[in-house]
C-alpha atoms as a PDB file:
ATOM      1  CA  UNK A   1       7.088   2.106   5.870  1.00  0.00           C
ATOM      2  CA  UNK A   2      10.820   2.394   6.504  1.00  0.00           C
ATOM      3  CA  UNK A   3      13.103  -0.125   4.722  1.00  0.00           C
ATOM      4  CA  UNK A   4      15.125  -2.101   7.260  1.00  0.00           C
ATOM      5  CA  UNK A   5      18.287  -4.068   6.575  1.00  0.00           C
ATOM      6  CA  UNK A   6      16.464  -7.350   6.880  1.00  0.00           C
ATOM      7  CA  UNK A   7      14.041  -5.902   4.042  1.00  0.00           C
ATOM      8  CA  UNK A   8      17.163  -5.240   1.825  1.00  0.00           C
ATOM      9  CA  UNK A   9      18.458  -8.774   2.468  1.00  0.00           C
ATOM     10  CA  UNK A  10      15.230 -10.351   1.691  1.00  0.00           C
ATOM     11  CA  UNK A  11      14.887  -8.222  -1.595  1.00  0.00           C
ATOM     12  CA  UNK A  12      18.517  -9.256  -2.441  1.00  0.00           C
ATOM     13  CA  UNK A  13      17.680 -12.897  -2.025  1.00  0.00           C
ATOM     14  CA  UNK A  14      14.529 -12.484  -4.029  1.00  0.00           C
ATOM     15  CA  UNK A  15      16.526 -10.644  -6.831  1.00  0.00           C
ATOM     16  CA  UNK A  16      19.050 -13.430  -7.046  1.00  0.00           C
ATOM     17  CA  UNK A  17      16.590 -16.173  -7.229  1.00  0.00           C
ATOM     18  CA  UNK A  18      14.734 -14.344  -9.985  1.00  0.00           C
ATOM     19  CA  UNK A  19      18.053 -14.000 -11.930  1.00  0.00           C
ATOM     20  CA  UNK A  20      19.082 -17.548 -11.335  1.00  0.00           C
ATOM     21  CA  UNK A  21      15.780 -18.811 -12.664  1.00  0.00           C
ATOM     22  CA  UNK A  22      16.312 -17.062 -15.999  1.00  0.00           C
ATOM     23  CA  UNK A  23      13.771 -14.265 -15.226  1.00  0.00           C
ATOM     24  CA  UNK A  24      15.873 -11.184 -15.796  1.00  0.00           C
ATOM     25  CA  UNK A  25      14.210  -7.701 -15.420  1.00  0.00           C
ATOM     26  CA  UNK A  26      15.114  -4.253 -14.455  1.00  0.00           C
ATOM     27  CA  UNK A  27      15.834  -3.134 -10.913  1.00  0.00           C
ATOM     28  CA  UNK A  28      12.616  -1.291 -10.836  1.00  0.00           C
ATOM     29  CA  UNK A  29      10.706  -4.557 -12.051  1.00  0.00           C
ATOM     30  CA  UNK A  30      12.321  -6.773  -9.572  1.00  0.00           C
ATOM     31  CA  UNK A  31      11.368  -4.200  -6.761  1.00  0.00           C
ATOM     32  CA  UNK A  32       7.773  -3.978  -7.848  1.00  0.00           C
ATOM     33  CA  UNK A  33       7.381  -7.778  -8.197  1.00  0.00           C
ATOM     34  CA  UNK A  34       9.124  -8.212  -4.617  1.00  0.00           C
ATOM     35  CA  UNK A  35       6.715  -5.591  -3.242  1.00  0.00           C
ATOM     36  CA  UNK A  36       3.844  -7.290  -4.678  1.00  0.00           C
ATOM     37  CA  UNK A  37       4.840 -10.584  -3.514  1.00  0.00           C
ATOM     38  CA  UNK A  38       5.147  -9.075   0.078  1.00  0.00           C
ATOM     39  CA  UNK A  39       1.768  -7.383  -0.162  1.00  0.00           C
ATOM     40  CA  UNK A  40       0.388 -10.750  -1.049  1.00  0.00           C
ATOM     41  CA  UNK A  41       2.017 -12.524   1.690  1.00  0.00           C
ATOM     42  CA  UNK A  42       0.574  -9.815   4.063  1.00  0.00           C
ATOM     43  CA  UNK A  43      -2.992 -10.242   2.587  1.00  0.00           C
ATOM     44  CA  UNK A  44      -2.742 -14.097   2.995  1.00  0.00           C
ATOM     45  CA  UNK A  45      -1.497 -13.652   6.587  1.00  0.00           C
ATOM     46  CA  UNK A  46      -4.357 -11.388   7.334  1.00  0.00           C
ATOM     47  CA  UNK A  47      -6.954 -13.671   5.894  1.00  0.00           C
ATOM     48  CA  UNK A  48      -5.585 -16.493   7.879  1.00  0.00           C
ATOM     49  CA  UNK A  49      -5.820 -14.419  11.010  1.00  0.00           C
ATOM     50  CA  UNK A  50      -9.340 -13.516  10.243  1.00  0.00           C
ATOM     51  CA  UNK A  51     -10.319 -17.139   9.563  1.00  0.00           C
ATOM     52  CA  UNK A  52      -8.837 -18.284  13.003  1.00  0.00           C
ATOM     53  CA  UNK A  53     -10.725 -15.427  14.601  1.00  0.00           C
ATOM     54  CA  UNK A  54     -13.974 -16.707  13.021  1.00  0.00           C
ATOM     55  CA  UNK A  55     -13.331 -20.235  13.839  1.00  0.00           C
ATOM     56  CA  UNK A  56     -12.499 -19.231  17.437  1.00  0.00           C
ATOM     57  CA  UNK A  57     -15.923 -17.218  17.655  1.00  0.00           C
ATOM     58  CA  UNK A  58     -14.119 -13.869  17.822  1.00  0.00           C
ATOM     59  CA  UNK A  59     -16.481 -12.205  15.440  1.00  0.00           C
ATOM     60  CA  UNK A  60     -19.958 -10.440  15.505  1.00  0.00           C
ATOM     61  CA  UNK A  61     -22.567  -9.666  12.845  1.00  0.00           C
ATOM     62  CA  UNK A  62     -21.770  -6.607  10.788  1.00  0.00           C
ATOM     63  CA  UNK A  63     -24.867  -4.506  11.801  1.00  0.00           C
ATOM     64  CA  UNK A  64     -23.836  -5.307  15.474  1.00  0.00           C
ATOM     65  CA  UNK A  65     -20.277  -4.077  14.768  1.00  0.00           C
ATOM     66  CA  UNK A  66     -21.525  -1.025  13.031  1.00  0.00           C
ATOM     67  CA  UNK A  67     -23.845  -0.135  15.927  1.00  0.00           C
ATOM     68  CA  UNK A  68     -20.826  -0.495  18.370  1.00  0.00           C
ATOM     69  CA  UNK A  69     -18.903   2.017  16.237  1.00  0.00           C
ATOM     70  CA  UNK A  70     -21.827   4.521  15.843  1.00  0.00           C
ATOM     71  CA  UNK A  71     -22.241   4.356  19.758  1.00  0.00           C
ATOM     72  CA  UNK A  72     -18.438   4.932  20.320  1.00  0.00           C
ATOM     73  CA  UNK A  73     -18.695   7.806  17.990  1.00  0.00           C
ATOM     74  CA  UNK A  74     -21.858   9.141  19.461  1.00  0.00           C
ATOM     75  CA  UNK A  75     -23.744   9.202  16.400  1.00  0.00           C
ATOM     76  CA  UNK A  76     -27.468   8.428  16.033  1.00  0.00           C
ATOM     77  CA  UNK A  77     -28.577   5.519  13.862  1.00  0.00           C
END
């Protein structure tokens, strides 16, 4: 994924907050921690979306979903 100006500003704010809290680290460590935080946030968001789908009834049993995929791919059971 390409880095945007907004990403750089967010990373900068993250790094400044880390340094202000007395958690110094190398630039590589800060970037890795920031990326891990972003991945965590994306995972939480995806889980919240999936939970909302389940609560709204927008789900189906796994065997039914696989059967639909097999049918779309024209593969026998």
